[in-house]
PDB file of N, CA and C in Angstrom:
ATOM      1  N   MET A   1     -15.899 -15.325   9.903  1.00  0.00           N
ATOM      2  CA  MET A   1     -15.126 -14.091   9.979  1.00  0.00           C
ATOM      3  C   MET A   1     -15.194 -13.394   8.628  1.00  0.00           C
ATOM      4  N   GLY A   2     -15.631 -12.138   8.605  1.00  0.00           N
ATOM      5  CA  GLY A   2     -15.728 -11.397   7.357  1.00  0.00           C
ATOM      6  C   GLY A   2     -14.383 -10.869   6.903  1.00  0.00           C
ATOM      7  N   HIS A   3     -14.294 -10.565   5.627  1.00  0.00           N
ATOM      8  CA  HIS A   3     -13.060 -10.017   5.067  1.00  0.00           C
ATOM      9  C   HIS A   3     -13.152  -8.500   5.027  1.00  0.00           C
ATOM     10  N   ALA A   4     -12.104  -7.841   5.420  1.00  0.00           N
ATOM     11  CA  ALA A   4     -12.063  -6.379   5.364  1.00  0.00           C
ATOM     12  C   ALA A   4     -12.045  -5.933   3.912  1.00  0.00           C
ATOM     13  N   ASN A   5     -12.621  -4.788   3.642  1.00  0.00           N
ATOM     14  CA  ASN A   5     -12.593  -4.205   2.309  1.00  0.00           C
ATOM     15  C   ASN A   5     -11.168  -3.713   2.045  1.00  0.00           C
ATOM     16  N   VAL A   6     -10.433  -4.399   1.173  1.00  0.00           N
ATOM     17  CA  VAL A   6      -9.025  -4.089   0.965  1.00  0.00           C
ATOM     18  C   VAL A   6      -8.806  -2.845   0.122  1.00  0.00           C
ATOM     19  N   SER A   7      -9.870  -2.206  -0.346  1.00  0.00           N
ATOM     20  CA  SER A   7      -9.671  -0.995  -1.141  1.00  0.00           C
ATOM     21  C   SER A   7      -9.689   0.261  -0.280  1.00  0.00           C
ATOM     22  N   THR A   8      -9.859   0.114   1.037  1.00  0.00           N
ATOM     23  CA  THR A   8      -9.824   1.260   1.919  1.00  0.00           C
ATOM     24  C   THR A   8      -8.599   1.185   2.819  1.00  0.00           C
ATOM     25  N   ILE A   9      -8.179   2.333   3.293  1.00  0.00           N
ATOM     26  CA  ILE A   9      -7.025   2.409   4.174  1.00  0.00           C
ATOM     27  C   ILE A   9      -7.470   1.968   5.554  1.00  0.00           C
ATOM     28  N   GLY A  10      -6.729   1.026   6.163  1.00  0.00           N
ATOM     29  CA  GLY A  10      -7.103   0.508   7.460  1.00  0.00           C
ATOM     30  C   GLY A  10      -5.942   0.479   8.424  1.00  0.00           C
ATOM     31  N   SER A  11      -6.217   0.110   9.675  1.00  0.00           N
ATOM     32  CA  SER A  11      -5.189  -0.004  10.707  1.00  0.00           C
ATOM     33  C   SER A  11      -4.769  -1.454  10.853  1.00  0.00           C
ATOM     34  N   TYR A  12      -3.464  -1.672  10.904  1.00  0.00           N
ATOM     35  CA  TYR A  12      -2.884  -2.995  11.052  1.00  0.00           C
ATOM     36  C   TYR A  12      -1.785  -2.907  12.093  1.00  0.00           C
ATOM     37  N   GLN A  13      -1.407  -4.050  12.648  1.00  0.00           N
ATOM     38  CA  GLN A  13      -0.374  -4.018  13.674  1.00  0.00           C
ATOM     39  C   GLN A  13       0.515  -5.242  13.617  1.00  0.00           C
ATOM     40  N   THR A  14       1.742  -5.061  14.084  1.00  0.00           N
ATOM     41  CA  THR A  14       2.620  -6.179  14.396  1.00  0.00           C
ATOM     42  C   THR A  14       2.555  -6.313  15.911  1.00  0.00           C
ATOM     43  N   ILE A  15       3.385  -7.108  16.470  1.00  0.00           N
ATOM     44  CA  ILE A  15       3.403  -7.247  17.922  1.00  0.00           C
ATOM     45  C   ILE A  15       3.742  -5.912  18.583  1.00  0.00           C
ATOM     46  N   ARG A  16       4.598  -5.119  17.952  1.00  0.00           N
ATOM     47  CA  ARG A  16       5.073  -3.891  18.584  1.00  0.00           C
ATOM     48  C   ARG A  16       4.576  -2.607  17.947  1.00  0.00           C
ATOM     49  N   HIS A  17       4.077  -2.624  16.722  1.00  0.00           N
ATOM     50  CA  HIS A  17       3.768  -1.381  16.010  1.00  0.00           C
ATOM     51  C   HIS A  17       2.377  -1.416  15.390  1.00  0.00           C
ATOM     52  N   MET A  18       1.730  -0.259  15.399  1.00  0.00           N
ATOM     53  CA  MET A  18       0.497  -0.103  14.651  1.00  0.00           C
ATOM     54  C   MET A  18       0.784   0.841  13.488  1.00  0.00           C
ATOM     55  N   VAL A  19       0.274   0.520  12.315  1.00  0.00           N
ATOM     56  CA  VAL A  19       0.524   1.298  11.103  1.00  0.00           C
ATOM     57  C   VAL A  19      -0.788   1.502  10.358  1.00  0.00           C
ATOM     58  N   GLN A  20      -0.788   2.399   9.396  1.00  0.00           N
ATOM     59  CA  GLN A  20      -1.874   2.544   8.434  1.00  0.00           C
ATOM     60  C   GLN A  20      -1.408   1.864   7.153  1.00  0.00           C
ATOM     61  N   ALA A  21      -2.302   1.126   6.492  1.00  0.00           N
ATOM     62  CA  ALA A  21      -1.898   0.385   5.296  1.00  0.00           C
ATOM     63  C   ALA A  21      -3.076   0.217   4.352  1.00  0.00           C
ATOM     64  N   VAL A  22      -2.755   0.028   3.079  1.00  0.00           N
ATOM     65  CA  VAL A  22      -3.772  -0.221   2.069  1.00  0.00           C
ATOM     66  C   VAL A  22      -3.165  -1.094   0.972  1.00  0.00           C
ATOM     67  N   LYS A  23      -3.974  -2.016   0.450  1.00  0.00           N
ATOM     68  CA  LYS A  23      -3.559  -2.847  -0.675  1.00  0.00           C
ATOM     69  C   LYS A  23      -3.972  -2.132  -1.956  1.00  0.00           C
ATOM     70  N   LEU A  24      -3.010  -1.898  -2.847  1.00  0.00           N
ATOM     71  CA  LEU A  24      -3.275  -1.174  -4.082  1.00  0.00           C
ATOM     72  C   LEU A  24      -4.045  -2.040  -5.071  1.00  0.00           C
ATOM     73  N   SER A  25      -5.053  -1.438  -5.678  1.00  0.00           N
ATOM     74  CA  SER A  25      -5.825  -2.105  -6.733  1.00  0.00           C
ATOM     75  C   SER A  25      -6.159  -1.079  -7.806  1.00  0.00           C
ATOM     76  N   THR A  26      -6.687  -1.538  -8.918  1.00  0.00           N
ATOM     77  CA  THR A  26      -7.073  -0.607  -9.974  1.00  0.00           C
ATOM     78  C   THR A  26      -8.219   0.291  -9.515  1.00  0.00           C
ATOM     79  N   GLU A  27      -9.024  -0.177  -8.557  1.00  0.00           N
ATOM     80  CA  GLU A  27     -10.155   0.600  -8.070  1.00  0.00           C
ATOM     81  C   GLU A  27      -9.752   1.735  -7.136  1.00  0.00           C
ATOM     82  N   ASN A  28      -8.639   1.610  -6.402  1.00  0.00           N
ATOM     83  CA  ASN A  28      -8.301   2.625  -5.405  1.00  0.00           C
ATOM     84  C   ASN A  28      -7.010   3.375  -5.719  1.00  0.00           C
ATOM     85  N   VAL A  29      -6.501   3.249  -6.930  1.00  0.00           N
ATOM     86  CA  VAL A  29      -5.192   3.806  -7.264  1.00  0.00           C
ATOM     87  C   VAL A  29      -5.125   5.317  -7.030  1.00  0.00           C
ATOM     88  N   GLN A  30      -6.144   6.073  -7.402  1.00  0.00           N
ATOM     89  CA  GLN A  30      -6.099   7.522  -7.203  1.00  0.00           C
ATOM     90  C   GLN A  30      -6.202   7.874  -5.723  1.00  0.00           C
ATOM     91  N   GLN A  31      -7.052   7.180  -4.985  1.00  0.00           N
ATOM     92  CA  GLN A  31      -7.192   7.410  -3.543  1.00  0.00           C
ATOM     93  C   GLN A  31      -5.857   7.176  -2.827  1.00  0.00           C
ATOM     94  N   VAL A  32      -5.163   6.104  -3.178  1.00  0.00           N
ATOM     95  CA  VAL A  32      -3.886   5.788  -2.543  1.00  0.00           C
ATOM     96  C   VAL A  32      -2.828   6.828  -2.931  1.00  0.00           C
ATOM     97  N   ALA A  33      -2.809   7.230  -4.186  1.00  0.00           N
ATOM     98  CA  ALA A  33      -1.852   8.254  -4.615  1.00  0.00           C
ATOM     99  C   ALA A  33      -2.077   9.554  -3.848  1.00  0.00           C
ATOM    100  N   ASP A  34      -3.332   9.940  -3.675  1.00  0.00           N
ATOM    101  CA  ASP A  34      -3.645  11.150  -2.907  1.00  0.00           C
ATOM    102  C   ASP A  34      -3.178  10.996  -1.456  1.00  0.00           C
ATOM    103  N   TRP A  35      -3.387   9.826  -0.868  1.00  0.00           N
ATOM    104  CA  TRP A  35      -3.036   9.562   0.522  1.00  0.00           C
ATOM    105  C   TRP A  35      -1.529   9.670   0.771  1.00  0.00           C
ATOM    106  N   CYS A  36      -0.724   9.136  -0.146  1.00  0.00           N
ATOM    107  CA  CYS A  36       0.721   9.090   0.092  1.00  0.00           C
ATOM    108  C   CYS A  36       1.481  10.240  -0.575  1.00  0.00           C
ATOM    109  N   GLY A  37       0.766  11.116  -1.291  1.00  0.00           N
ATOM    110  CA  GLY A  37       1.442  12.213  -1.970  1.00  0.00           C
ATOM    111  C   GLY A  37       2.170  11.766  -3.222  1.00  0.00           C
ATOM    112  N   GLY A  38       1.773  10.622  -3.749  1.00  0.00           N
ATOM    113  CA  GLY A  38       2.393  10.078  -4.956  1.00  0.00           C
ATOM    114  C   GLY A  38       1.639  10.483  -6.199  1.00  0.00           C
ATOM    115  N   ARG A  39       2.020   9.873  -7.307  1.00  0.00           N
ATOM    116  CA  ARG A  39       1.324  10.149  -8.565  1.00  0.00           C
ATOM    117  C   ARG A  39       1.082   8.842  -9.292  1.00  0.00           C
ATOM    118  N   VAL A  40      -0.051   8.766  -9.978  1.00  0.00           N
ATOM    119  CA  VAL A  40      -0.419   7.569 -10.731  1.00  0.00           C
ATOM    120  C   VAL A  40       0.384   7.546 -12.021  1.00  0.00           C
ATOM    121  N   VAL A  41       0.984   6.409 -12.321  1.00  0.00           N
ATOM    122  CA  VAL A  41       1.691   6.204 -13.579  1.00  0.00           C
ATOM    123  C   VAL A  41       1.174   4.918 -14.199  1.00  0.00           C
ATOM    124  N   GLN A  42       1.303   4.794 -15.508  1.00  0.00           N
ATOM    125  CA  GLN A  42       0.882   3.559 -16.170  1.00  0.00           C
ATOM    126  C   GLN A  42       2.060   2.614 -16.260  1.00  0.00           C
ATOM    127  N   ASP A  43       1.810   1.371 -15.919  1.00  0.00           N
ATOM    128  CA  ASP A  43       2.848   0.346 -15.960  1.00  0.00           C
ATOM    129  C   ASP A  43       2.556  -0.593 -17.114  1.00  0.00           C
ATOM    130  N   GLY A  44       3.356  -0.521 -18.141  1.00  0.00           N
ATOM    131  CA  GLY A  44       3.213  -1.425 -19.264  1.00  0.00           C
ATOM    132  C   GLY A  44       4.355  -2.414 -19.345  1.00  0.00           C
ATOM    133  N   THR A  45       5.148  -2.518 -18.272  1.00  0.00           N
ATOM    134  CA  THR A  45       6.349  -3.357 -18.306  1.00  0.00           C
ATOM    135  C   THR A  45       6.034  -4.835 -18.353  1.00  0.00           C
ATOM    136  N   ARG A  46       4.839  -5.225 -17.906  1.00  0.00           N
ATOM    137  CA  ARG A  46       4.483  -6.638 -17.910  1.00  0.00           C
ATOM    138  C   ARG A  46       3.549  -6.978 -19.062  1.00  0.00           C
ATOM    139  N   GLY A  47       3.537  -6.140 -20.094  1.00  0.00           N
ATOM    140  CA  GLY A  47       2.706  -6.398 -21.250  1.00  0.00           C
ATOM    141  C   GLY A  47       1.252  -6.033 -21.048  1.00  0.00           C
ATOM    142  N   GLN A  48       0.940  -5.355 -19.961  1.00  0.00           N
ATOM    143  CA  GLN A  48      -0.428  -4.928 -19.698  1.00  0.00           C
ATOM    144  C   GLN A  48      -0.391  -3.614 -18.927  1.00  0.00           C
ATOM    145  N   ILE A  49      -1.456  -2.877 -19.030  1.00  0.00           N
ATOM    146  CA  ILE A  49      -1.562  -1.645 -18.250  1.00  0.00           C
ATOM    147  C   ILE A  49      -2.081  -2.037 -16.873  1.00  0.00           C
ATOM    148  N   ASP A  50      -1.393  -1.592 -15.836  1.00  0.00           N
ATOM    149  CA  ASP A  50      -1.715  -1.971 -14.474  1.00  0.00           C
ATOM    150  C   ASP A  50      -1.682  -0.719 -13.606  1.00  0.00           C
ATOM    151  N   ALA A  51      -2.319  -0.778 -12.451  1.00  0.00           N
ATOM    152  CA  ALA A  51      -2.256   0.329 -11.498  1.00  0.00           C
ATOM    153  C   ALA A  51      -0.850   0.417 -10.939  1.00  0.00           C
ATOM    154  N   CYS A  52      -0.297   1.608 -10.931  1.00  0.00           N
ATOM    155  CA  CYS A  52       1.047   1.823 -10.420  1.00  0.00           C
ATOM    156  C   CYS A  52       1.118   3.245  -9.875  1.00  0.00           C
ATOM    157  N   ILE A  53       1.793   3.395  -8.732  1.00  0.00           N
ATOM    158  CA  ILE A  53       1.960   4.707  -8.127  1.00  0.00           C
ATOM    159  C   ILE A  53       3.435   4.941  -7.869  1.00  0.00           C
ATOM    160  N   SER A  54       3.884   6.135  -8.192  1.00  0.00           N
ATOM    161  CA  SER A  54       5.218   6.592  -7.840  1.00  0.00           C
ATOM    162  C   SER A  54       5.104   7.236  -6.457  1.00  0.00           C
ATOM    163  N   VAL A  55       5.792   6.646  -5.472  1.00  0.00           N
ATOM    164  CA  VAL A  55       5.713   7.097  -4.082  1.00  0.00           C
ATOM    165  C   VAL A  55       6.990   7.858  -3.738  1.00  0.00           C
ATOM    166  N   PRO A  56       6.885   9.109  -3.287  1.00  0.00           N
ATOM    167  CA  PRO A  56       8.082   9.856  -2.910  1.00  0.00           C
ATOM    168  C   PRO A  56       8.826   9.160  -1.771  1.00  0.00           C
ATOM    169  N   ALA A  57      10.143   9.033  -1.927  1.00  0.00           N
ATOM    170  CA  ALA A  57      10.963   8.368  -0.908  1.00  0.00           C
ATOM    171  C   ALA A  57      12.308   9.079  -0.825  1.00  0.00           C
ATOM    172  N   GLY A  58      12.327  10.238  -0.194  1.00  0.00           N
ATOM    173  CA  GLY A  58      13.575  10.988  -0.060  1.00  0.00           C
ATOM    174  C   GLY A  58      14.009  11.577  -1.386  1.00  0.00           C
ATOM    175  N   THR A  59      15.180  11.170  -1.860  1.00  0.00           N
ATOM    176  CA  THR A  59      15.736  11.740  -3.087  1.00  0.00           C
ATOM    177  C   THR A  59      15.285  11.016  -4.348  1.00  0.00           C
ATOM    178  N   HIS A  60      14.519   9.948  -4.220  1.00  0.00           N
ATOM    179  CA  HIS A  60      14.061   9.193  -5.391  1.00  0.00           C
ATOM    180  C   HIS A  60      12.635   8.694  -5.146  1.00  0.00           C
ATOM    181  N   ASP A  61      12.012   8.194  -6.184  1.00  0.00           N
ATOM    182  CA  ASP A  61      10.672   7.627  -6.067  1.00  0.00           C
ATOM    183  C   ASP A  61      10.767   6.111  -6.042  1.00  0.00           C
ATOM    184  N   ARG A  62       9.819   5.490  -5.342  1.00  0.00           N
ATOM    185  CA  ARG A  62       9.658   4.038  -5.369  1.00  0.00           C
ATOM    186  C   ARG A  62       8.299   3.762  -5.986  1.00  0.00           C
ATOM    187  N   TYR A  63       8.141   2.605  -6.580  1.00  0.00           N
ATOM    188  CA  TYR A  63       6.913   2.285  -7.289  1.00  0.00           C
ATOM    189  C   TYR A  63       6.195   1.124  -6.630  1.00  0.00           C
ATOM    190  N   ILE A  64       4.875   1.280  -6.472  1.00  0.00           N
ATOM    191  CA  ILE A  64       4.023   0.214  -5.958  1.00  0.00           C
ATOM    192  C   ILE A  64       3.034  -0.157  -7.045  1.00  0.00           C
ATOM    193  N   ARG A  65       2.827  -1.454  -7.199  1.00  0.00           N
ATOM    194  CA  ARG A  65       1.912  -1.962  -8.228  1.00  0.00           C
ATOM    195  C   ARG A  65       0.732  -2.688  -7.579  1.00  0.00           C
ATOM    196  N   SER A  66      -0.303  -2.924  -8.352  1.00  0.00           N
ATOM    197  CA  SER A  66      -1.492  -3.638  -7.874  1.00  0.00           C
ATOM    198  C   SER A  66      -1.103  -4.908  -7.142  1.00  0.00           C
ATOM    199  N   GLY A  67      -1.800  -5.157  -6.040  1.00  0.00           N
ATOM    200  CA  GLY A  67      -1.581  -6.373  -5.274  1.00  0.00           C
ATOM    201  C   GLY A  67      -0.576  -6.217  -4.145  1.00  0.00           C
ATOM    202  N   HIS A  68       0.192  -5.136  -4.162  1.00  0.00           N
ATOM    203  CA  HIS A  68       1.142  -4.878  -3.085  1.00  0.00           C
ATOM    204  C   HIS A  68       0.508  -3.933  -2.058  1.00  0.00           C
ATOM    205  N   TRP A  69       1.081  -3.909  -0.880  1.00  0.00           N
ATOM    206  CA  TRP A  69       0.586  -3.089   0.224  1.00  0.00           C
ATOM    207  C   TRP A  69       1.499  -1.897   0.448  1.00  0.00           C
ATOM    208  N   LEU A  70       0.900  -0.729   0.670  1.00  0.00           N
ATOM    209  CA  LEU A  70       1.634   0.476   1.035  1.00  0.00           C
ATOM    210  C   LEU A  70       1.381   0.730   2.515  1.00  0.00           C
ATOM    211  N   VAL A  71       2.459   0.815   3.293  1.00  0.00           N
ATOM    212  CA  VAL A  71       2.366   0.935   4.746  1.00  0.00           C
ATOM    213  C   VAL A  71       2.966   2.267   5.179  1.00  0.00           C
ATOM    214  N   LEU A  72       2.189   3.050   5.923  1.00  0.00           N
ATOM    215  CA  LEU A  72       2.676   4.286   6.534  1.00  0.00           C
ATOM    216  C   LEU A  72       3.168   3.926   7.922  1.00  0.00           C
ATOM    217  N   GLN A  73       4.467   3.997   8.133  1.00  0.00           N
ATOM    218  CA  GLN A  73       5.067   3.605   9.401  1.00  0.00           C
ATOM    219  C   GLN A  73       4.951   4.733  10.426  1.00  0.00           C
ATOM    220  N   GLU A  74       5.215   4.410  11.679  1.00  0.00           N
ATOM    221  CA  GLU A  74       5.114   5.391  12.764  1.00  0.00           C
ATOM    222  C   GLU A  74       6.022   6.596  12.546  1.00  0.00           C
ATOM    223  N   ASP A  75       7.145   6.399  11.846  1.00  0.00           N
ATOM    224  CA  ASP A  75       8.085   7.503  11.629  1.00  0.00           C
ATOM    225  C   ASP A  75       7.701   8.387  10.446  1.00  0.00           C
ATOM    226  N   GLY A  76       6.557   8.112   9.803  1.00  0.00           N
ATOM    227  CA  GLY A  76       6.077   8.925   8.696  1.00  0.00           C
ATOM    228  C   GLY A  76       6.569   8.485   7.333  1.00  0.00           C
ATOM    229  N   ASN A  77       7.390   7.451   7.268  1.00  0.00           N
ATOM    230  CA  ASN A  77       7.887   6.933   5.990  1.00  0.00           C
ATOM    231  C   ASN A  77       6.971   5.828   5.474  1.00  0.00           C
ATOM    232  N   TYR A  78       6.956   5.676   4.155  1.00  0.00           N
ATOM    233  CA  TYR A  78       6.168   4.622   3.526  1.00  0.00           C
ATOM    234  C   TYR A  78       7.062   3.433   3.204  1.00  0.00           C
ATOM    235  N   CYS A  79       6.493   2.250   3.329  1.00  0.00           N
ATOM    236  CA  CYS A  79       7.191   1.015   3.014  1.00  0.00           C
ATOM    237  C   CYS A  79       6.264   0.176   2.134  1.00  0.00           C
ATOM    238  N   ILE A  80       6.820  -0.551   1.190  1.00  0.00           N
ATOM    239  CA  ILE A  80       6.038  -1.381   0.274  1.00  0.00           C
ATOM    240  C   ILE A  80       6.272  -2.848   0.605  1.00  0.00           C
ATOM    241  N   TYR A  81       5.184  -3.611   0.710  1.00  0.00           N
ATOM    242  CA  TYR A  81       5.241  -5.037   1.015  1.00  0.00           C
ATOM    243  C   TYR A  81       4.501  -5.818  -0.070  1.00  0.00           C
ATOM    244  N   SER A  82       5.027  -6.988  -0.425  1.00  0.00           N
ATOM    245  CA  SER A  82       4.247  -7.903  -1.260  1.00  0.00           C
ATOM    246  C   SER A  82       3.076  -8.390  -0.399  1.00  0.00           C
ATOM    247  N   HIS A  83       2.060  -8.956  -1.027  1.00  0.00           N
ATOM    248  CA  HIS A  83       0.902  -9.441  -0.279  1.00  0.00           C
ATOM    249  C   HIS A  83       1.332 -10.495   0.746  1.00  0.00           C
ATOM    250  N   ARG A  84       2.183 -11.408   0.346  1.00  0.00           N
ATOM    251  CA  ARG A  84       2.628 -12.479   1.244  1.00  0.00           C
ATOM    252  C   ARG A  84       3.420 -11.914   2.429  1.00  0.00           C
ATOM    253  N   GLU A  85       4.362 -10.998   2.163  1.00  0.00           N
ATOM    254  CA  GLU A  85       5.141 -10.387   3.252  1.00  0.00           C
ATOM    255  C   GLU A  85       4.236  -9.638   4.222  1.00  0.00           C
ATOM    256  N   PHE A  86       3.255  -8.907   3.675  1.00  0.00           N
ATOM    257  CA  PHE A  86       2.351  -8.140   4.524  1.00  0.00           C
ATOM    258  C   PHE A  86       1.555  -9.064   5.439  1.00  0.00           C
ATOM    259  N   LYS A  87       0.991 -10.125   4.895  1.00  0.00           N
ATOM    260  CA  LYS A  87       0.172 -11.040   5.682  1.00  0.00           C
ATOM    261  C   LYS A  87       0.993 -11.761   6.752  1.00  0.00           C
ATOM    262  N   LYS A  88       2.280 -12.006   6.486  1.00  0.00           N
ATOM    263  CA  LYS A  88       3.152 -12.641   7.489  1.00  0.00           C
ATOM    264  C   LYS A  88       3.542 -11.659   8.595  1.00  0.00           C
ATOM    265  N   THR A  89       3.533 -10.361   8.303  1.00  0.00           N
ATOM    266  CA  THR A  89       4.039  -9.356   9.228  1.00  0.00           C
ATOM    267  C   THR A  89       2.956  -8.665  10.037  1.00  0.00           C
ATOM    268  N   PHE A  90       1.795  -8.428   9.439  1.00  0.00           N
ATOM    269  CA  PHE A  90       0.758  -7.612  10.065  1.00  0.00           C
ATOM    270  C   PHE A  90      -0.550  -8.387  10.223  1.00  0.00           C
ATOM    271  N   GLU A  91      -1.354  -7.923  11.160  1.00  0.00           N
ATOM    272  CA  GLU A  91      -2.719  -8.424  11.321  1.00  0.00           C
ATOM    273  C   GLU A  91      -3.628  -7.221  11.518  1.00  0.00           C
ATOM    274  N   PRO A  92      -4.911  -7.333  11.111  1.00  0.00           N
ATOM    275  CA  PRO A  92      -5.826  -6.201  11.295  1.00  0.00           C
ATOM    276  C   PRO A  92      -5.978  -5.861  12.777  1.00  0.00           C
ATOM    277  N   VAL A  93      -6.145  -4.575  13.066  1.00  0.00           N
ATOM    278  CA  VAL A  93      -6.417  -4.133  14.429  1.00  0.00           C
ATOM    279  C   VAL A  93      -7.858  -4.468  14.752  1.00  0.00           C
ATOM    280  N   LYS A  94      -8.051  -5.119  15.864  1.00  0.00           N
ATOM    281  CA  LYS A  94      -9.414  -5.488  16.278  1.00  0.00           C
ATOM    282  C   LYS A  94     -10.036  -4.346  17.070  1.00  0.00           C
ATOM    283  N   ASP A  95     -11.295  -4.063  16.788  1.00  0.00           N
ATOM    284  CA  ASP A  95     -12.006  -2.968  17.480  1.00  0.00           C
ATOM    285  C   ASP A  95     -12.234  -3.297  18.938  1.00  0.00           C
TER     286      ASP A  95
END
């Protein structure tokens, strides 16, 4: 079984919902920011510069960092998942 290219936006599903999702990396940070209407910011909080996006969320912004998943839900809102939470919740949509 091949591995999906995690730097592109793909379709994933739970038992009841299909969503669009992408795992953030340093290679796709601008593409993801463009997709979600966010902006790229530098994260130096962990002693290193890392990919980070400020994602609009109503009256405030939420931040996603490399290795986390950004999920566009059916209602048009974005949700952020750790890699482990995402893998427990979603599976790739099979063609």
